[in-house]
Amino acid sequence: MSVQSQETIKLISAGLKVGIKAYESAMRLSAAGYYVPGFKDFQRQAERINVASGRAGGANSSHRLVGHA
Protein backbone atom coordinates (compact mmCIF):
# COMPACT_ATOMS: atom_id res chain seq x y z
CA MET A 1 0.00 0.00 0.00
CA SER A 2 1.37 3.41 -0.92
CA VAL A 3 2.25 6.03 1.67
CA GLN A 4 -0.44 8.32 0.28
CA SER A 5 -3.09 5.60 0.72
CA GLN A 6 -1.96 4.98 4.29
CA GLU A 7 -2.13 8.69 5.08
CA THR A 8 -5.59 8.91 3.53
CA ILE A 9 -6.79 6.01 5.67
CA LYS A 10 -5.31 7.64 8.79
CA LEU A 11 -7.04 10.93 7.96
CA ILE A 12 -10.40 9.22 7.41
CA SER A 13 -9.99 7.26 10.64
CA ALA A 14 -9.19 10.43 12.59
CA GLY A 15 -12.22 12.17 11.11
CA LEU A 16 -14.48 9.29 12.09
CA LYS A 17 -13.10 9.35 15.65
CA VAL A 18 -13.80 13.09 15.90
CA GLY A 19 -17.32 12.51 14.60
CA ILE A 20 -17.96 9.76 17.13
CA LYS A 21 -16.69 11.95 19.98
CA ALA A 22 -18.92 14.82 18.81
CA TYR A 23 -21.91 12.47 18.69
CA GLU A 24 -21.17 11.13 22.18
CA SER A 25 -20.81 14.68 23.52
CA ALA A 26 -24.10 15.71 21.91
CA MET A 27 -25.85 12.71 23.44
CA ARG A 28 -24.46 13.53 26.92
CA LEU A 29 -25.52 17.18 26.60
CA SER A 30 -28.97 16.15 25.42
CA ALA A 31 -29.34 13.68 28.30
CA ALA A 32 -28.36 16.46 30.72
CA GLY A 33 -31.23 18.58 29.39
CA TYR A 34 -29.35 20.87 27.02
CA TYR A 35 -30.68 21.66 23.55
CA VAL A 36 -28.43 20.17 20.89
CA PRO A 37 -29.45 21.34 17.40
CA GLY A 38 -29.49 18.94 14.50
CA PHE A 39 -27.57 19.74 11.33
CA LYS A 40 -30.48 21.53 9.63
CA ASP A 41 -31.11 23.64 12.76
CA PHE A 42 -27.40 24.46 12.91
CA GLN A 43 -27.43 25.58 9.27
CA ARG A 44 -30.46 27.82 9.88
CA GLN A 45 -28.85 29.36 12.97
CA ALA A 46 -25.59 29.95 11.10
CA GLU A 47 -27.47 31.64 8.25
CA ARG A 48 -29.33 33.89 10.72
CA ILE A 49 -26.01 34.88 12.27
CA ASN A 50 -24.59 35.63 8.81
CA VAL A 51 -27.62 37.75 7.92
CA ALA A 52 -27.49 39.62 11.24
CA SER A 53 -23.79 40.35 10.79
CA GLY A 54 -24.25 41.58 7.23
CA ARG A 55 -22.47 38.59 5.76
CA ALA A 56 -25.52 37.03 4.14
CA GLY A 57 -24.85 34.85 1.17
CA GLY A 58 -26.18 31.85 -0.61
CA ALA A 59 -24.64 28.43 -0.97
CA ASN A 60 -21.89 29.92 -3.13
CA SER A 61 -20.89 32.53 -0.58
CA SER A 62 -17.16 32.62 0.08
CA HIS A 63 -17.61 33.67 3.71
CA ARG A 64 -19.83 31.00 5.22
CA LEU A 65 -19.92 30.41 8.93
CA VAL A 66 -18.55 26.91 9.37
CA GLY A 67 -17.65 25.20 12.59
CA HIS A 68 -18.85 27.93 14.93
CA ALA A 69 -21.69 27.30 17.34
PDB file of N, CA and C in Angstrom:
ATOM      1  N   MET A   1       0.854  -1.180   0.000  1.00  0.00           N
ATOM      2  CA  MET A   1       0.000   0.000   0.000  1.00  0.00           C
ATOM      3  C   MET A   1       0.897   1.239   0.000  1.00  0.00           C
ATOM      4  N   SER A   2       0.546   2.217  -0.806  1.00  0.00           N
ATOM      5  CA  SER A   2       1.373   3.414  -0.916  1.00  0.00           C
ATOM      6  C   SER A   2       1.252   4.275   0.340  1.00  0.00           C
ATOM      7  N   VAL A   3       2.242   5.120   0.528  1.00  0.00           N
ATOM      8  CA  VAL A   3       2.251   6.029   1.674  1.00  0.00           C
ATOM      9  C   VAL A   3       1.042   6.959   1.616  1.00  0.00           C
ATOM     10  N   GLN A   4       0.700   7.419   0.426  1.00  0.00           N
ATOM     11  CA  GLN A   4      -0.445   8.319   0.281  1.00  0.00           C
ATOM     12  C   GLN A   4      -1.742   7.617   0.698  1.00  0.00           C
ATOM     13  N   SER A   5      -1.894   6.362   0.331  1.00  0.00           N
ATOM     14  CA  SER A   5      -3.086   5.597   0.715  1.00  0.00           C
ATOM     15  C   SER A   5      -3.148   5.423   2.225  1.00  0.00           C
ATOM     16  N   GLN A   6      -2.008   5.141   2.837  1.00  0.00           N
ATOM     17  CA  GLN A   6      -1.961   4.979   4.291  1.00  0.00           C
ATOM     18  C   GLN A   6      -2.322   6.284   4.992  1.00  0.00           C
ATOM     19  N   GLU A   7      -1.817   7.394   4.489  1.00  0.00           N
ATOM     20  CA  GLU A   7      -2.128   8.694   5.078  1.00  0.00           C
ATOM     21  C   GLU A   7      -3.605   9.033   4.915  1.00  0.00           C
ATOM     22  N   THR A   8      -4.165   8.679   3.767  1.00  0.00           N
ATOM     23  CA  THR A   8      -5.593   8.912   3.531  1.00  0.00           C
ATOM     24  C   THR A   8      -6.432   8.112   4.510  1.00  0.00           C
ATOM     25  N   ILE A   9      -6.067   6.860   4.725  1.00  0.00           N
ATOM     26  CA  ILE A   9      -6.793   6.012   5.671  1.00  0.00           C
ATOM     27  C   ILE A   9      -6.678   6.574   7.086  1.00  0.00           C
ATOM     28  N   LYS A  10      -5.499   7.044   7.462  1.00  0.00           N
ATOM     29  CA  LYS A  10      -5.311   7.642   8.791  1.00  0.00           C
ATOM     30  C   LYS A  10      -6.173   8.890   8.948  1.00  0.00           C
ATOM     31  N   LEU A  11      -6.242   9.705   7.913  1.00  0.00           N
ATOM     32  CA  LEU A  11      -7.043  10.928   7.956  1.00  0.00           C
ATOM     33  C   LEU A  11      -8.527  10.601   8.092  1.00  0.00           C
ATOM     34  N   ILE A  12      -8.995   9.637   7.329  1.00  0.00           N
ATOM     35  CA  ILE A  12     -10.403   9.225   7.412  1.00  0.00           C
ATOM     36  C   ILE A  12     -10.706   8.667   8.796  1.00  0.00           C
ATOM     37  N   SER A  13      -9.815   7.848   9.315  1.00  0.00           N
ATOM     38  CA  SER A  13      -9.995   7.262  10.642  1.00  0.00           C
ATOM     39  C   SER A  13     -10.064   8.349  11.714  1.00  0.00           C
ATOM     40  N   ALA A  14      -9.181   9.327  11.625  1.00  0.00           N
ATOM     41  CA  ALA A  14      -9.189  10.425  12.595  1.00  0.00           C
ATOM     42  C   ALA A  14     -10.488  11.216  12.500  1.00  0.00           C
ATOM     43  N   GLY A  15     -10.957  11.453  11.289  1.00  0.00           N
ATOM     44  CA  GLY A  15     -12.220  12.171  11.106  1.00  0.00           C
ATOM     45  C   GLY A  15     -13.392  11.420  11.701  1.00  0.00           C
ATOM     46  N   LEU A  16     -13.412  10.110  11.510  1.00  0.00           N
ATOM     47  CA  LEU A  16     -14.480   9.294  12.093  1.00  0.00           C
ATOM     48  C   LEU A  16     -14.433   9.327  13.616  1.00  0.00           C
ATOM     49  N   LYS A  17     -13.235   9.288  14.187  1.00  0.00           N
ATOM     50  CA  LYS A  17     -13.095   9.352  15.646  1.00  0.00           C
ATOM     51  C   LYS A  17     -13.612  10.679  16.181  1.00  0.00           C
ATOM     52  N   VAL A  18     -13.304  11.772  15.492  1.00  0.00           N
ATOM     53  CA  VAL A  18     -13.803  13.089  15.904  1.00  0.00           C
ATOM     54  C   VAL A  18     -15.327  13.114  15.824  1.00  0.00           C
ATOM     55  N   GLY A  19     -15.871  12.562  14.754  1.00  0.00           N
ATOM     56  CA  GLY A  19     -17.324  12.513  14.599  1.00  0.00           C
ATOM     57  C   GLY A  19     -17.996  11.715  15.696  1.00  0.00           C
ATOM     58  N   ILE A  20     -17.406  10.587  16.056  1.00  0.00           N
ATOM     59  CA  ILE A  20     -17.963   9.757  17.127  1.00  0.00           C
ATOM     60  C   ILE A  20     -17.912  10.505  18.450  1.00  0.00           C
ATOM     61  N   LYS A  21     -16.808  11.177  18.735  1.00  0.00           N
ATOM     62  CA  LYS A  21     -16.692  11.951  19.980  1.00  0.00           C
ATOM     63  C   LYS A  21     -17.718  13.075  20.006  1.00  0.00           C
ATOM     64  N   ALA A  22     -17.924  13.738  18.879  1.00  0.00           N
ATOM     65  CA  ALA A  22     -18.921  14.816  18.814  1.00  0.00           C
ATOM     66  C   ALA A  22     -20.318  14.260  19.065  1.00  0.00           C
ATOM     67  N   TYR A  23     -20.615  13.115  18.481  1.00  0.00           N
ATOM     68  CA  TYR A  23     -21.912  12.470  18.688  1.00  0.00           C
ATOM     69  C   TYR A  23     -22.098  12.101  20.159  1.00  0.00           C
ATOM     70  N   GLU A  24     -21.076  11.505  20.765  1.00  0.00           N
ATOM     71  CA  GLU A  24     -21.165  11.129  22.176  1.00  0.00           C
ATOM     72  C   GLU A  24     -21.363  12.359  23.057  1.00  0.00           C
ATOM     73  N   SER A  25     -20.654  13.439  22.753  1.00  0.00           N
ATOM     74  CA  SER A  25     -20.812  14.679  23.519  1.00  0.00           C
ATOM     75  C   SER A  25     -22.218  15.236  23.369  1.00  0.00           C
ATOM     76  N   ALA A  26     -22.740  15.219  22.150  1.00  0.00           N
ATOM     77  CA  ALA A  26     -24.099  15.711  21.908  1.00  0.00           C
ATOM     78  C   ALA A  26     -25.119  14.878  22.675  1.00  0.00           C
ATOM     79  N   MET A  27     -24.926  13.580  22.714  1.00  0.00           N
ATOM     80  CA  MET A  27     -25.848  12.711  23.444  1.00  0.00           C
ATOM     81  C   MET A  27     -25.788  12.993  24.944  1.00  0.00           C
ATOM     82  N   ARG A  28     -24.585  13.211  25.483  1.00  0.00           N
ATOM     83  CA  ARG A  28     -24.458  13.530  26.915  1.00  0.00           C
ATOM     84  C   ARG A  28     -25.122  14.864  27.229  1.00  0.00           C
ATOM     85  N   LEU A  29     -24.895  15.869  26.389  1.00  0.00           N
ATOM     86  CA  LEU A  29     -25.519  17.176  26.604  1.00  0.00           C
ATOM     87  C   LEU A  29     -27.034  17.072  26.532  1.00  0.00           C
ATOM     88  N   SER A  30     -27.526  16.331  25.569  1.00  0.00           N
ATOM     89  CA  SER A  30     -28.966  16.152  25.416  1.00  0.00           C
ATOM     90  C   SER A  30     -29.552  15.442  26.635  1.00  0.00           C
ATOM     91  N   ALA A  31     -28.871  14.415  27.119  1.00  0.00           N
ATOM     92  CA  ALA A  31     -29.336  13.678  28.298  1.00  0.00           C
ATOM     93  C   ALA A  31     -29.331  14.559  29.540  1.00  0.00           C
ATOM     94  N   ALA A  32     -28.442  15.543  29.578  1.00  0.00           N
ATOM     95  CA  ALA A  32     -28.365  16.459  30.719  1.00  0.00           C
ATOM     96  C   ALA A  32     -29.386  17.587  30.607  1.00  0.00           C
ATOM     97  N   GLY A  33     -30.174  17.590  29.538  1.00  0.00           N
ATOM     98  CA  GLY A  33     -31.231  18.583  29.394  1.00  0.00           C
ATOM     99  C   GLY A  33     -30.896  19.772  28.514  1.00  0.00           C
ATOM    100  N   TYR A  34     -29.724  19.771  27.901  1.00  0.00           N
ATOM    101  CA  TYR A  34     -29.348  20.871  27.020  1.00  0.00           C
ATOM    102  C   TYR A  34     -29.924  20.650  25.627  1.00  0.00           C
ATOM    103  N   TYR A  35     -30.209  21.742  24.929  1.00  0.00           N
ATOM    104  CA  TYR A  35     -30.682  21.657  23.549  1.00  0.00           C
ATOM    105  C   TYR A  35     -29.481  21.479  22.635  1.00  0.00           C
ATOM    106  N   VAL A  36     -29.490  20.440  21.860  1.00  0.00           N
ATOM    107  CA  VAL A  36     -28.425  20.174  20.892  1.00  0.00           C
ATOM    108  C   VAL A  36     -29.065  20.202  19.509  1.00  0.00           C
ATOM    109  N   PRO A  37     -28.794  21.241  18.711  1.00  0.00           N
ATOM    110  CA  PRO A  37     -29.449  21.341  17.403  1.00  0.00           C
ATOM    111  C   PRO A  37     -28.960  20.269  16.441  1.00  0.00           C
ATOM    112  N   GLY A  38     -29.862  19.839  15.586  1.00  0.00           N
ATOM    113  CA  GLY A  38     -29.493  18.943  14.503  1.00  0.00           C
ATOM    114  C   GLY A  38     -28.787  19.747  13.419  1.00  0.00           C
ATOM    115  N   PHE A  39     -28.332  19.070  12.389  1.00  0.00           N
ATOM    116  CA  PHE A  39     -27.572  19.737  11.334  1.00  0.00           C
ATOM    117  C   PHE A  39     -28.381  20.829  10.640  1.00  0.00           C
ATOM    118  N   LYS A  40     -29.640  20.538  10.315  1.00  0.00           N
ATOM    119  CA  LYS A  40     -30.483  21.534   9.629  1.00  0.00           C
ATOM    120  C   LYS A  40     -30.701  22.750  10.526  1.00  0.00           C
ATOM    121  N   ASP A  41     -30.954  22.523  11.824  1.00  0.00           N
ATOM    122  CA  ASP A  41     -31.106  23.639  12.762  1.00  0.00           C
ATOM    123  C   ASP A  41     -29.824  24.461  12.832  1.00  0.00           C
ATOM    124  N   PHE A  42     -28.684  23.771  12.862  1.00  0.00           N
ATOM    125  CA  PHE A  42     -27.403  24.461  12.909  1.00  0.00           C
ATOM    126  C   PHE A  42     -27.214  25.334  11.674  1.00  0.00           C
ATOM    127  N   GLN A  43     -27.559  24.799  10.501  1.00  0.00           N
ATOM    128  CA  GLN A  43     -27.434  25.581   9.270  1.00  0.00           C
ATOM    129  C   GLN A  43     -28.318  26.823   9.318  1.00  0.00           C
ATOM    130  N   ARG A  44     -29.557  26.668   9.788  1.00  0.00           N
ATOM    131  CA  ARG A  44     -30.464  27.822   9.875  1.00  0.00           C
ATOM    132  C   ARG A  44     -29.921  28.870  10.846  1.00  0.00           C
ATOM    133  N   GLN A  45     -29.412  28.425  11.997  1.00  0.00           N
ATOM    134  CA  GLN A  45     -28.853  29.362  12.967  1.00  0.00           C
ATOM    135  C   GLN A  45     -27.631  30.080  12.396  1.00  0.00           C
ATOM    136  N   ALA A  46     -26.780  29.343  11.700  1.00  0.00           N
ATOM    137  CA  ALA A  46     -25.592  29.950  11.099  1.00  0.00           C
ATOM    138  C   ALA A  46     -25.987  30.986  10.055  1.00  0.00           C
ATOM    139  N   GLU A  47     -27.012  30.688   9.262  1.00  0.00           N
ATOM    140  CA  GLU A  47     -27.475  31.640   8.247  1.00  0.00           C
ATOM    141  C   GLU A  47     -28.044  32.893   8.907  1.00  0.00           C
ATOM    142  N   ARG A  48     -28.798  32.714   9.998  1.00  0.00           N
ATOM    143  CA  ARG A  48     -29.335  33.886  10.719  1.00  0.00           C
ATOM    144  C   ARG A  48     -28.202  34.755  11.256  1.00  0.00           C
ATOM    145  N   ILE A  49     -27.157  34.128  11.766  1.00  0.00           N
ATOM    146  CA  ILE A  49     -26.006  34.884  12.271  1.00  0.00           C
ATOM    147  C   ILE A  49     -25.338  35.630  11.121  1.00  0.00           C
ATOM    148  N   ASN A  50     -25.181  34.970   9.981  1.00  0.00           N
ATOM    149  CA  ASN A  50     -24.588  35.626   8.813  1.00  0.00           C
ATOM    150  C   ASN A  50     -25.416  36.821   8.372  1.00  0.00           C
ATOM    151  N   VAL A  51     -26.733  36.660   8.337  1.00  0.00           N
ATOM    152  CA  VAL A  51     -27.618  37.751   7.922  1.00  0.00           C
ATOM    153  C   VAL A  51     -27.510  38.904   8.917  1.00  0.00           C
ATOM    154  N   ALA A  52     -27.547  38.588  10.207  1.00  0.00           N
ATOM    155  CA  ALA A  52     -27.490  39.622  11.241  1.00  0.00           C
ATOM    156  C   ALA A  52     -26.159  40.378  11.219  1.00  0.00           C
ATOM    157  N   SER A  53     -25.097  39.702  10.805  1.00  0.00           N
ATOM    158  CA  SER A  53     -23.788  40.352  10.788  1.00  0.00           C
ATOM    159  C   SER A  53     -23.491  41.018   9.449  1.00  0.00           C
ATOM    160  N   GLY A  54     -24.454  40.959   8.534  1.00  0.00           N
ATOM    161  CA  GLY A  54     -24.247  41.584   7.228  1.00  0.00           C
ATOM    162  C   GLY A  54     -23.432  40.741   6.278  1.00  0.00           C
ATOM    163  N   ARG A  55     -23.261  39.479   6.610  1.00  0.00           N
ATOM    164  CA  ARG A  55     -22.470  38.591   5.758  1.00  0.00           C
ATOM    165  C   ARG A  55     -23.355  37.587   5.051  1.00  0.00           C
ATOM    166  N   ALA A  56     -24.575  37.964   4.770  1.00  0.00           N
ATOM    167  CA  ALA A  56     -25.521  37.034   4.144  1.00  0.00           C
ATOM    168  C   ALA A  56     -25.013  36.611   2.780  1.00  0.00           C
ATOM    169  N   GLY A  57     -25.237  35.375   2.467  1.00  0.00           N
ATOM    170  CA  GLY A  57     -24.849  34.854   1.166  1.00  0.00           C
ATOM    171  C   GLY A  57     -25.502  33.520   0.939  1.00  0.00           C
ATOM    172  N   GLY A  58     -25.575  33.132  -0.280  1.00  0.00           N
ATOM    173  CA  GLY A  58     -26.177  31.847  -0.612  1.00  0.00           C
ATOM    174  C   GLY A  58     -25.181  30.723  -0.447  1.00  0.00           C
ATOM    175  N   ALA A  59     -25.498  29.606  -1.068  1.00  0.00           N
ATOM    176  CA  ALA A  59     -24.641  28.427  -0.966  1.00  0.00           C
ATOM    177  C   ALA A  59     -23.268  28.672  -1.579  1.00  0.00           C
ATOM    178  N   ASN A  60     -23.169  29.641  -2.480  1.00  0.00           N
ATOM    179  CA  ASN A  60     -21.892  29.918  -3.135  1.00  0.00           C
ATOM    180  C   ASN A  60     -21.106  31.027  -2.456  1.00  0.00           C
ATOM    181  N   SER A  61     -21.566  31.453  -1.297  1.00  0.00           N
ATOM    182  CA  SER A  61     -20.893  32.527  -0.581  1.00  0.00           C
ATOM    183  C   SER A  61     -19.497  32.077  -0.164  1.00  0.00           C
ATOM    184  N   SER A  62     -18.527  32.973  -0.275  1.00  0.00           N
ATOM    185  CA  SER A  62     -17.156  32.617   0.084  1.00  0.00           C
ATOM    186  C   SER A  62     -16.872  32.853   1.555  1.00  0.00           C
ATOM    187  N   HIS A  63     -17.836  33.381   2.298  1.00  0.00           N
ATOM    188  CA  HIS A  63     -17.614  33.669   3.715  1.00  0.00           C
ATOM    189  C   HIS A  63     -18.695  33.029   4.573  1.00  0.00           C
ATOM    190  N   ARG A  64     -18.824  31.738   4.448  1.00  0.00           N
ATOM    191  CA  ARG A  64     -19.827  31.000   5.217  1.00  0.00           C
ATOM    192  C   ARG A  64     -19.325  30.770   6.629  1.00  0.00           C
ATOM    193  N   LEU A  65     -20.247  30.696   7.548  1.00  0.00           N
ATOM    194  CA  LEU A  65     -19.921  30.410   8.931  1.00  0.00           C
ATOM    195  C   LEU A  65     -19.884  28.898   9.096  1.00  0.00           C
ATOM    196  N   VAL A  66     -18.706  28.355   9.273  1.00  0.00           N
ATOM    197  CA  VAL A  66     -18.552  26.912   9.367  1.00  0.00           C
ATOM    198  C   VAL A  66     -17.799  26.590  10.648  1.00  0.00           C
ATOM    199  N   GLY A  67     -18.350  25.668  11.404  1.00  0.00           N
ATOM    200  CA  GLY A  67     -17.650  25.202  12.592  1.00  0.00           C
ATOM    201  C   GLY A  67     -17.807  26.069  13.816  1.00  0.00           C
ATOM    202  N   HIS A  68     -18.625  27.089  13.761  1.00  0.00           N
ATOM    203  CA  HIS A  68     -18.852  27.932  14.929  1.00  0.00           C
ATOM    204  C   HIS A  68     -20.247  27.677  15.445  1.00  0.00           C
ATOM    205  N   ALA A  69     -20.363  27.507  16.743  1.00  0.00           N
ATOM    206  CA  ALA A  69     -21.691  27.302  17.336  1.00  0.00           C
ATOM    207  C   ALA A  69     -22.051  28.470  18.217  1.00  0.00           C
TER     208      ALA A  69
END
